[in-house]
Amino acid sequence: MWRLIAAGILILSFLSCRKKETLVLQIPEEKMVSILADIYAAKAAANQNDPDFRDSTTREYLKQIGEIHGYSYEQIQSELELLYRHRDTLTALQNKALDTLRAMNERQYQQQFYNPLSTGIINN
């Protein structure tokens, strides 16, 4: 019985000491945040009821986002796959991307609220 417990403790100790994979992104963090923000905006724009249309449109958007940021679709996909294995880093980058989108939304709202001429609400 004691040998079984000792073996269990030894196995747990071995597993807990296992070296974690280090994350090395090829795309700089700030650029990845910008890419993620663009991906979220594109997915919101492509959120259609027809799954085939949505999937093909999303792929095209991702290709265009890659071109805008100077990366290939494959490079972005590779980075996203790597981030999916590092959930903490992915969550942190997602939060920054969402903060970016919120700030953009707030700026747009403030511009419309404080400058009604720009929205066409008030005509001369």
Foldseek 3Di string as FASTA:
>chain_A
DVVVVVVVVVVVVVVVPDDDDDDDAPDDLVLLLVLLLQLVVQLVVLPDPDPVSSVVSSLVSLQVSCVVSVHGSVSNVVRVVSCVVVVVSVVVSPVSSVVVVVVVVVVVVVCCVVPVVVVVPDDD
